[in-house]
Amino acid sequence: PDQARERVELARGGLAEARQALADDQTGQAAVGLQAAESAADQSESLLDGVEHMEAELTQAASALPTALRGIDAGLAEAAGAGPGSDGLAAVVARARAATSAVRDQLGAKRPFDTLAALRQLEETGAELDHMLADTREEWERKERARSVLDQAKLVARSSVKAAED
């Protein structure tokens, strides 16, 4: 906004110069003043449009924060339910807890903060947590499949032993 105000003042100055040049019958100088005024006014408009766009993006980011926090909380709950994981998972869980805590602190402080940066941090942390949990899920599923195969093998072995005993 401050830069936009400066550009408006430049536009006013260019317009005043153009008027004076016209009064002095210097049409070439008046055209230069008008072009400078027009350029400054266009820059001012662009700056204000940028401020409006940023306001909209910050508002959207602020409304997306609760959903992002819930998503990470669900991932943290899943990680806790998975039992002891790898050191990598533990580190990711610690970063996720730190990120959610920092964002909640900012929300609780009731002061302005960069909601886009906070959302970006949550998204990065959430993606990292999801990736680690996917690896953990795959490992758990492999172990479950191995247990199932082992149980089937035990059943066949017990059956064979029982048949031999009989």
N, C-alpha and C. Protein backbone atom coordinates (compact mmCIF):
# COMPACT_ATOMS: atom_id res chain seq x y z
N PRO A 1 0.81 -1.21 0.00
CA PRO A 1 0.00 0.00 0.00
C PRO A 1 0.85 1.28 0.00
N ASP A 2 1.96 1.25 0.76
CA ASP A 2 2.82 2.45 0.81
C ASP A 2 3.42 2.72 -0.56
N GLN A 3 3.86 1.66 -1.22
CA GLN A 3 4.44 1.84 -2.56
C GLN A 3 3.37 2.31 -3.54
N ALA A 4 2.17 1.82 -3.39
CA ALA A 4 1.08 2.26 -4.28
C ALA A 4 0.81 3.74 -4.06
N ARG A 5 0.82 4.18 -2.79
CA ARG A 5 0.62 5.61 -2.50
C ARG A 5 1.73 6.45 -3.13
N GLU A 6 2.96 5.95 -3.05
CA GLU A 6 4.09 6.67 -3.67
C GLU A 6 3.86 6.81 -5.18
N ARG A 7 3.40 5.73 -5.81
CA ARG A 7 3.16 5.78 -7.25
C ARG A 7 2.02 6.75 -7.59
N VAL A 8 1.02 6.82 -6.75
CA VAL A 8 -0.07 7.78 -6.97
C VAL A 8 0.48 9.20 -6.88
N GLU A 9 1.35 9.44 -5.91
CA GLU A 9 1.96 10.77 -5.79
C GLU A 9 2.81 11.09 -7.02
N LEU A 10 3.53 10.09 -7.54
CA LEU A 10 4.30 10.29 -8.77
C LEU A 10 3.37 10.61 -9.93
N ALA A 11 2.24 9.91 -9.98
CA ALA A 11 1.26 10.17 -11.04
C ALA A 11 0.73 11.60 -10.93
N ARG A 12 0.45 12.03 -9.72
CA ARG A 12 -0.03 13.41 -9.52
C ARG A 12 1.04 14.41 -9.96
N GLY A 13 2.27 14.12 -9.60
CA GLY A 13 3.36 15.01 -10.00
C GLY A 13 3.51 15.06 -11.51
N GLY A 14 3.43 13.88 -12.16
CA GLY A 14 3.52 13.85 -13.63
C GLY A 14 2.38 14.61 -14.27
N LEU A 15 1.20 14.48 -13.70
CA LEU A 15 0.03 15.19 -14.22
C LEU A 15 0.21 16.70 -14.05
N ALA A 16 0.72 17.12 -12.90
CA ALA A 16 0.94 18.55 -12.66
C ALA A 16 1.98 19.09 -13.65
N GLU A 17 3.03 18.29 -13.91
CA GLU A 17 4.05 18.71 -14.87
C GLU A 17 3.44 18.83 -16.26
N ALA A 18 2.59 17.86 -16.61
CA ALA A 18 1.95 17.89 -17.93
C ALA A 18 1.07 19.13 -18.06
N ARG A 19 0.31 19.47 -17.05
CA ARG A 19 -0.55 20.66 -17.08
C ARG A 19 0.29 21.94 -17.25
N GLN A 20 1.38 21.98 -16.49
CA GLN A 20 2.25 23.16 -16.58
C GLN A 20 2.86 23.26 -17.98
N ALA A 21 3.28 22.09 -18.52
CA ALA A 21 3.87 22.10 -19.86
C ALA A 21 2.84 22.55 -20.90
N LEU A 22 1.59 22.10 -20.75
CA LEU A 22 0.54 22.54 -21.67
C LEU A 22 0.31 24.05 -21.55
N ALA A 23 0.33 24.54 -20.32
CA ALA A 23 0.14 25.97 -20.10
C ALA A 23 1.27 26.76 -20.74
N ASP A 24 2.47 26.18 -20.76
CA ASP A 24 3.63 26.83 -21.35
C ASP A 24 3.75 26.52 -22.84
N ASP A 25 2.73 25.82 -23.39
CA ASP A 25 2.68 25.44 -24.80
C ASP A 25 3.83 24.52 -25.20
N GLN A 26 4.18 23.62 -24.29
CA GLN A 26 5.23 22.62 -24.56
C GLN A 26 4.55 21.24 -24.62
N THR A 27 3.94 20.94 -25.75
CA THR A 27 3.15 19.71 -25.89
C THR A 27 4.00 18.45 -25.78
N GLY A 28 5.23 18.50 -26.27
CA GLY A 28 6.11 17.34 -26.15
C GLY A 28 6.41 17.01 -24.70
N GLN A 29 6.71 18.04 -23.93
CA GLN A 29 6.98 17.86 -22.50
C GLN A 29 5.70 17.42 -21.77
N ALA A 30 4.56 17.90 -22.21
CA ALA A 30 3.28 17.51 -21.61
C ALA A 30 3.01 16.03 -21.86
N ALA A 31 3.33 15.56 -23.06
CA ALA A 31 3.15 14.14 -23.38
C ALA A 31 4.03 13.27 -22.50
N VAL A 32 5.26 13.69 -22.29
CA VAL A 32 6.17 12.94 -21.42
C VAL A 32 5.61 12.90 -19.99
N GLY A 33 5.11 14.01 -19.50
CA GLY A 33 4.53 14.06 -18.15
C GLY A 33 3.31 13.17 -18.03
N LEU A 34 2.48 13.15 -19.08
CA LEU A 34 1.29 12.29 -19.06
C LEU A 34 1.66 10.81 -19.09
N GLN A 35 2.68 10.47 -19.87
CA GLN A 35 3.12 9.07 -19.92
C GLN A 35 3.67 8.64 -18.56
N ALA A 36 4.42 9.53 -17.92
CA ALA A 36 4.96 9.20 -16.59
C ALA A 36 3.83 9.03 -15.59
N ALA A 37 2.82 9.90 -15.67
CA ALA A 37 1.68 9.81 -14.76
C ALA A 37 0.91 8.52 -15.00
N GLU A 38 0.69 8.19 -16.26
CA GLU A 38 -0.03 6.97 -16.60
C GLU A 38 0.73 5.73 -16.11
N SER A 39 2.03 5.72 -16.32
CA SER A 39 2.85 4.58 -15.89
C SER A 39 2.80 4.43 -14.37
N ALA A 40 2.92 5.53 -13.65
CA ALA A 40 2.87 5.48 -12.19
C ALA A 40 1.50 5.01 -11.70
N ALA A 41 0.43 5.45 -12.37
CA ALA A 41 -0.92 5.02 -11.98
C ALA A 41 -1.09 3.52 -12.24
N ASP A 42 -0.57 3.03 -13.37
CA ASP A 42 -0.65 1.60 -13.67
C ASP A 42 0.12 0.77 -12.63
N GLN A 43 1.30 1.27 -12.26
CA GLN A 43 2.09 0.56 -11.23
C GLN A 43 1.34 0.53 -9.90
N SER A 44 0.71 1.63 -9.57
CA SER A 44 -0.07 1.69 -8.33
C SER A 44 -1.20 0.67 -8.35
N GLU A 45 -1.89 0.59 -9.48
CA GLU A 45 -2.99 -0.37 -9.61
C GLU A 45 -2.47 -1.81 -9.48
N SER A 46 -1.33 -2.09 -10.12
CA SER A 46 -0.74 -3.44 -10.03
C SER A 46 -0.36 -3.78 -8.60
N LEU A 47 0.22 -2.82 -7.91
CA LEU A 47 0.59 -3.07 -6.51
C LEU A 47 -0.64 -3.35 -5.65
N LEU A 48 -1.69 -2.59 -5.84
CA LEU A 48 -2.91 -2.81 -5.06
C LEU A 48 -3.57 -4.14 -5.40
N ASP A 49 -3.53 -4.52 -6.68
CA ASP A 49 -4.05 -5.84 -7.07
C ASP A 49 -3.25 -6.94 -6.38
N GLY A 50 -1.93 -6.76 -6.30
CA GLY A 50 -1.08 -7.74 -5.62
C GLY A 50 -1.43 -7.87 -4.15
N VAL A 51 -1.72 -6.74 -3.52
CA VAL A 51 -2.11 -6.77 -2.10
C VAL A 51 -3.43 -7.52 -1.94
N GLU A 52 -4.39 -7.27 -2.83
CA GLU A 52 -5.68 -7.96 -2.76
C GLU A 52 -5.52 -9.46 -2.97
N HIS A 53 -4.67 -9.84 -3.93
CA HIS A 53 -4.44 -11.27 -4.18
C HIS A 53 -3.80 -11.93 -2.97
N MET A 54 -2.83 -11.23 -2.38
CA MET A 54 -2.16 -11.80 -1.20
C MET A 54 -3.15 -11.93 -0.05
N GLU A 55 -4.02 -10.97 0.11
CA GLU A 55 -5.03 -11.04 1.17
C GLU A 55 -5.91 -12.28 0.98
N ALA A 56 -6.32 -12.53 -0.26
CA ALA A 56 -7.17 -13.69 -0.54
C ALA A 56 -6.41 -14.98 -0.26
N GLU A 57 -5.15 -15.04 -0.66
CA GLU A 57 -4.35 -16.25 -0.43
C GLU A 57 -4.12 -16.49 1.06
N LEU A 58 -3.85 -15.43 1.79
CA LEU A 58 -3.66 -15.58 3.24
C LEU A 58 -4.94 -16.04 3.92
N THR A 59 -6.08 -15.53 3.47
CA THR A 59 -7.37 -15.94 4.03
C THR A 59 -7.63 -17.41 3.74
N GLN A 60 -7.35 -17.84 2.51
CA GLN A 60 -7.53 -19.26 2.17
C GLN A 60 -6.59 -20.14 2.99
N ALA A 61 -5.35 -19.69 3.15
CA ALA A 61 -4.40 -20.47 3.93
C ALA A 61 -4.85 -20.58 5.39
N ALA A 62 -5.35 -19.48 5.93
CA ALA A 62 -5.82 -19.49 7.32
C ALA A 62 -6.99 -20.46 7.49
N SER A 63 -7.87 -20.54 6.49
CA SER A 63 -9.00 -21.47 6.62
C SER A 63 -8.57 -22.91 6.39
N ALA A 64 -7.43 -23.13 5.74
CA ALA A 64 -6.94 -24.49 5.49
C ALA A 64 -6.11 -25.04 6.66
N LEU A 65 -5.66 -24.17 7.55
CA LEU A 65 -4.81 -24.62 8.66
C LEU A 65 -5.48 -25.67 9.55
N PRO A 66 -6.73 -25.50 9.98
CA PRO A 66 -7.34 -26.52 10.84
C PRO A 66 -7.39 -27.90 10.19
N THR A 67 -7.70 -27.94 8.90
CA THR A 67 -7.74 -29.23 8.20
C THR A 67 -6.36 -29.86 8.15
N ALA A 68 -5.36 -29.05 7.86
CA ALA A 68 -3.99 -29.57 7.82
C ALA A 68 -3.56 -30.09 9.19
N LEU A 69 -3.93 -29.37 10.24
CA LEU A 69 -3.59 -29.82 11.60
C LEU A 69 -4.27 -31.15 11.92
N ARG A 70 -5.55 -31.28 11.54
CA ARG A 70 -6.26 -32.55 11.79
C ARG A 70 -5.61 -33.70 11.02
N GLY A 71 -5.19 -33.43 9.80
CA GLY A 71 -4.54 -34.47 9.01
C GLY A 71 -3.24 -34.95 9.65
N ILE A 72 -2.45 -34.04 10.14
CA ILE A 72 -1.20 -34.43 10.80
C ILE A 72 -1.49 -35.12 12.12
N ASP A 73 -2.49 -34.64 12.85
CA ASP A 73 -2.87 -35.30 14.10
C ASP A 73 -3.26 -36.75 13.84
N ALA A 74 -4.00 -36.99 12.75
CA ALA A 74 -4.38 -38.36 12.41
C ALA A 74 -3.15 -39.20 12.09
N GLY A 75 -2.21 -38.61 11.37
CA GLY A 75 -0.97 -39.31 11.07
C GLY A 75 -0.17 -39.61 12.32
N LEU A 76 -0.13 -38.66 13.25
CA LEU A 76 0.58 -38.89 14.52
C LEU A 76 -0.08 -39.99 15.32
N ALA A 77 -1.42 -40.01 15.31
CA ALA A 77 -2.14 -41.08 16.02
C ALA A 77 -1.84 -42.43 15.39
N GLU A 78 -1.78 -42.47 14.06
CA GLU A 78 -1.46 -43.72 13.38
C GLU A 78 -0.04 -44.16 13.72
N ALA A 79 0.88 -43.21 13.75
CA ALA A 79 2.27 -43.53 14.08
C ALA A 79 2.37 -44.06 15.50
N ALA A 80 1.60 -43.47 16.42
CA ALA A 80 1.62 -43.94 17.81
C ALA A 80 1.03 -45.34 17.91
N GLY A 81 0.00 -45.61 17.12
CA GLY A 81 -0.64 -46.92 17.13
C GLY A 81 0.21 -48.00 16.47
N ALA A 82 1.14 -47.58 15.63
CA ALA A 82 1.98 -48.55 14.93
C ALA A 82 3.07 -49.12 15.82
N GLY A 83 3.22 -48.54 17.01
CA GLY A 83 4.26 -49.03 17.91
C GLY A 83 5.60 -48.43 17.57
N PRO A 84 6.64 -48.98 18.17
CA PRO A 84 7.96 -48.40 17.93
C PRO A 84 8.35 -48.58 16.46
N GLY A 85 8.72 -47.49 15.85
CA GLY A 85 9.10 -47.53 14.45
C GLY A 85 10.59 -47.30 14.30
N SER A 86 10.98 -46.99 13.11
CA SER A 86 12.39 -46.74 12.83
C SER A 86 12.79 -45.39 13.42
N ASP A 87 14.10 -45.17 13.45
CA ASP A 87 14.60 -43.88 13.92
C ASP A 87 14.11 -42.76 12.99
N GLY A 88 14.01 -43.08 11.69
CA GLY A 88 13.52 -42.10 10.73
C GLY A 88 12.10 -41.68 11.03
N LEU A 89 11.25 -42.65 11.36
CA LEU A 89 9.87 -42.34 11.70
C LEU A 89 9.81 -41.51 12.97
N ALA A 90 10.62 -41.86 13.94
CA ALA A 90 10.63 -41.10 15.20
C ALA A 90 11.03 -39.64 14.95
N ALA A 91 11.99 -39.43 14.08
CA ALA A 91 12.42 -38.06 13.77
C ALA A 91 11.32 -37.29 13.06
N VAL A 92 10.64 -37.95 12.13
CA VAL A 92 9.55 -37.31 11.40
C VAL A 92 8.40 -36.99 12.35
N VAL A 93 8.09 -37.90 13.25
CA VAL A 93 7.04 -37.67 14.24
C VAL A 93 7.41 -36.46 15.11
N ALA A 94 8.66 -36.37 15.52
CA ALA A 94 9.10 -35.23 16.34
C ALA A 94 8.95 -33.92 15.57
N ARG A 95 9.33 -33.91 14.28
CA ARG A 95 9.18 -32.70 13.47
C ARG A 95 7.71 -32.35 13.29
N ALA A 96 6.87 -33.35 13.09
CA ALA A 96 5.44 -33.10 12.91
C ALA A 96 4.84 -32.51 14.19
N ARG A 97 5.22 -33.06 15.31
CA ARG A 97 4.72 -32.51 16.59
C ARG A 97 5.18 -31.07 16.78
N ALA A 98 6.43 -30.80 16.45
CA ALA A 98 6.97 -29.44 16.59
C ALA A 98 6.24 -28.48 15.65
N ALA A 99 5.99 -28.91 14.43
CA ALA A 99 5.30 -28.05 13.45
C ALA A 99 3.88 -27.75 13.90
N THR A 100 3.15 -28.77 14.33
CA THR A 100 1.76 -28.54 14.75
C THR A 100 1.72 -27.68 16.01
N SER A 101 2.67 -27.89 16.89
CA SER A 101 2.72 -27.08 18.11
C SER A 101 3.00 -25.61 17.78
N ALA A 102 3.94 -25.37 16.87
CA ALA A 102 4.27 -24.00 16.49
C ALA A 102 3.07 -23.30 15.85
N VAL A 103 2.35 -24.00 14.98
CA VAL A 103 1.19 -23.39 14.33
C VAL A 103 0.08 -23.14 15.35
N ARG A 104 -0.13 -24.08 16.24
CA ARG A 104 -1.16 -23.87 17.27
C ARG A 104 -0.79 -22.70 18.19
N ASP A 105 0.49 -22.56 18.50
CA ASP A 105 0.93 -21.42 19.30
C ASP A 105 0.64 -20.10 18.56
N GLN A 106 0.93 -20.08 17.27
CA GLN A 106 0.67 -18.87 16.49
C GLN A 106 -0.83 -18.57 16.43
N LEU A 107 -1.64 -19.60 16.25
CA LEU A 107 -3.09 -19.39 16.22
C LEU A 107 -3.59 -18.90 17.58
N GLY A 108 -3.04 -19.45 18.65
CA GLY A 108 -3.47 -19.07 19.98
C GLY A 108 -3.02 -17.68 20.40
N ALA A 109 -1.93 -17.19 19.79
CA ALA A 109 -1.41 -15.88 20.15
C ALA A 109 -2.30 -14.75 19.67
N LYS A 110 -3.19 -15.04 18.73
CA LYS A 110 -4.13 -14.04 18.20
C LYS A 110 -3.41 -12.82 17.63
N ARG A 111 -2.21 -13.06 17.08
CA ARG A 111 -1.47 -12.00 16.41
C ARG A 111 -1.30 -12.40 14.95
N PRO A 112 -1.12 -11.43 14.09
CA PRO A 112 -0.92 -11.77 12.68
C PRO A 112 0.35 -12.61 12.49
N PHE A 113 0.28 -13.57 11.59
CA PHE A 113 1.44 -14.37 11.22
C PHE A 113 1.27 -14.81 9.79
N ASP A 114 2.33 -15.32 9.22
CA ASP A 114 2.31 -15.73 7.82
C ASP A 114 1.63 -17.09 7.71
N THR A 115 0.33 -17.07 7.40
CA THR A 115 -0.42 -18.32 7.32
C THR A 115 0.02 -19.17 6.13
N LEU A 116 0.50 -18.53 5.06
CA LEU A 116 1.00 -19.30 3.92
C LEU A 116 2.24 -20.10 4.31
N ALA A 117 3.16 -19.46 5.04
CA ALA A 117 4.37 -20.17 5.48
C ALA A 117 4.00 -21.29 6.45
N ALA A 118 3.05 -21.02 7.34
CA ALA A 118 2.63 -22.04 8.30
C ALA A 118 1.99 -23.22 7.57
N LEU A 119 1.13 -22.93 6.60
CA LEU A 119 0.48 -24.00 5.84
C LEU A 119 1.51 -24.79 5.04
N ARG A 120 2.47 -24.09 4.44
CA ARG A 120 3.53 -24.76 3.68
C ARG A 120 4.30 -25.72 4.59
N GLN A 121 4.63 -25.25 5.80
CA GLN A 121 5.36 -26.10 6.74
C GLN A 121 4.54 -27.32 7.12
N LEU A 122 3.25 -27.14 7.37
CA LEU A 122 2.39 -28.27 7.71
C LEU A 122 2.27 -29.24 6.55
N GLU A 123 2.14 -28.72 5.34
CA GLU A 123 2.02 -29.60 4.18
C GLU A 123 3.29 -30.42 3.97
N GLU A 124 4.45 -29.78 4.12
CA GLU A 124 5.71 -30.50 3.95
C GLU A 124 5.86 -31.57 5.03
N THR A 125 5.56 -31.19 6.26
CA THR A 125 5.67 -32.13 7.37
C THR A 125 4.67 -33.26 7.21
N GLY A 126 3.45 -32.93 6.82
CA GLY A 126 2.42 -33.94 6.62
C GLY A 126 2.79 -34.92 5.51
N ALA A 127 3.35 -34.40 4.43
CA ALA A 127 3.77 -35.27 3.33
C ALA A 127 4.89 -36.20 3.77
N GLU A 128 5.83 -35.67 4.53
CA GLU A 128 6.93 -36.49 5.04
C GLU A 128 6.40 -37.57 5.99
N LEU A 129 5.46 -37.20 6.84
CA LEU A 129 4.87 -38.16 7.77
C LEU A 129 4.09 -39.23 7.00
N ASP A 130 3.32 -38.81 6.00
CA ASP A 130 2.57 -39.78 5.19
C ASP A 130 3.52 -40.76 4.50
N HIS A 131 4.61 -40.24 3.98
CA HIS A 131 5.59 -41.09 3.29
C HIS A 131 6.18 -42.13 4.26
N MET A 132 6.56 -41.67 5.44
CA MET A 132 7.13 -42.59 6.43
C MET A 132 6.09 -43.60 6.89
N LEU A 133 4.86 -43.16 7.06
CA LEU A 133 3.81 -44.09 7.48
C LEU A 133 3.51 -45.10 6.38
N ALA A 134 3.58 -44.68 5.14
CA ALA A 134 3.38 -45.62 4.03
C ALA A 134 4.45 -46.70 4.07
N ASP A 135 5.70 -46.30 4.33
CA ASP A 135 6.78 -47.28 4.45
C ASP A 135 6.51 -48.21 5.63
N THR A 136 6.05 -47.63 6.75
CA THR A 136 5.76 -48.43 7.93
C THR A 136 4.61 -49.39 7.66
N ARG A 137 3.57 -48.89 6.95
CA ARG A 137 2.43 -49.75 6.59
C ARG A 137 2.88 -50.91 5.71
N GLU A 138 3.73 -50.61 4.73
CA GLU A 138 4.22 -51.66 3.85
C GLU A 138 5.01 -52.70 4.64
N GLU A 139 5.85 -52.23 5.55
CA GLU A 139 6.63 -53.16 6.37
C GLU A 139 5.69 -53.99 7.24
N TRP A 140 4.68 -53.38 7.83
CA TRP A 140 3.72 -54.08 8.67
C TRP A 140 2.97 -55.11 7.83
N GLU A 141 2.54 -54.70 6.61
CA GLU A 141 1.83 -55.63 5.73
C GLU A 141 2.72 -56.80 5.33
N ARG A 142 4.00 -56.54 5.07
CA ARG A 142 4.92 -57.64 4.75
C ARG A 142 5.04 -58.60 5.93
N LYS A 143 5.14 -58.05 7.12
CA LYS A 143 5.23 -58.90 8.32
C LYS A 143 3.94 -59.70 8.50
N GLU A 144 2.80 -59.05 8.26
CA GLU A 144 1.52 -59.76 8.38
C GLU A 144 1.42 -60.89 7.38
N ARG A 145 1.85 -60.62 6.14
CA ARG A 145 1.84 -61.68 5.12
C ARG A 145 2.78 -62.83 5.54
N ALA A 146 3.93 -62.47 6.08
CA ALA A 146 4.88 -63.50 6.53
C ALA A 146 4.28 -64.31 7.67
N ARG A 147 3.59 -63.64 8.59
CA ARG A 147 2.93 -64.35 9.70
C ARG A 147 1.85 -65.30 9.17
N SER A 148 1.11 -64.82 8.18
CA SER A 148 0.05 -65.65 7.59
C SER A 148 0.65 -66.89 6.92
N VAL A 149 1.73 -66.67 6.17
CA VAL A 149 2.39 -67.81 5.52
C VAL A 149 2.94 -68.76 6.58
N LEU A 150 3.52 -68.20 7.64
CA LEU A 150 4.05 -69.03 8.73
C LEU A 150 2.93 -69.82 9.40
N ASP A 151 1.80 -69.17 9.65
CA ASP A 151 0.67 -69.86 10.27
C ASP A 151 0.18 -71.01 9.38
N GLN A 152 0.13 -70.76 8.08
CA GLN A 152 -0.29 -71.81 7.16
C GLN A 152 0.72 -72.96 7.16
N ALA A 153 2.01 -72.59 7.17
CA ALA A 153 3.05 -73.63 7.17
C ALA A 153 2.97 -74.45 8.46
N LYS A 154 2.70 -73.78 9.58
CA LYS A 154 2.56 -74.50 10.85
C LYS A 154 1.38 -75.45 10.81
N LEU A 155 0.28 -74.99 10.22
CA LEU A 155 -0.91 -75.83 10.11
C LEU A 155 -0.60 -77.08 9.30
N VAL A 156 0.07 -76.90 8.18
CA VAL A 156 0.42 -78.05 7.34
C VAL A 156 1.38 -78.96 8.10
N ALA A 157 2.36 -78.38 8.79
CA ALA A 157 3.32 -79.19 9.54
C ALA A 157 2.62 -79.95 10.67
N ARG A 158 1.75 -79.26 11.40
CA ARG A 158 1.04 -79.93 12.49
C ARG A 158 0.18 -81.08 11.94
N SER A 159 -0.47 -80.81 10.83
CA SER A 159 -1.30 -81.82 10.21
C SER A 159 -0.47 -83.05 9.82
N SER A 160 0.70 -82.75 9.23
CA SER A 160 1.59 -83.86 8.82
C SER A 160 2.09 -84.65 10.02
N VAL A 161 2.46 -83.92 11.09
CA VAL A 161 2.93 -84.59 12.31
C VAL A 161 1.81 -85.42 12.91
N LYS A 162 0.61 -84.86 12.95
CA LYS A 162 -0.54 -85.57 13.52
C LYS A 162 -0.84 -86.81 12.70
N ALA A 163 -0.79 -86.67 11.37
CA ALA A 163 -1.05 -87.83 10.52
C ALA A 163 0.00 -88.91 10.75
N ALA A 164 1.24 -88.51 10.90
CA ALA A 164 2.32 -89.47 11.14
C ALA A 164 2.11 -90.14 12.50
N GLU A 165 1.73 -89.40 13.51
CA GLU A 165 1.51 -89.95 14.83
C GLU A 165 0.35 -90.95 14.80
N ASP A 166 -0.71 -90.56 14.06
CA ASP A 166 -1.89 -91.43 13.98
C ASP A 166 -1.50 -92.72 13.26
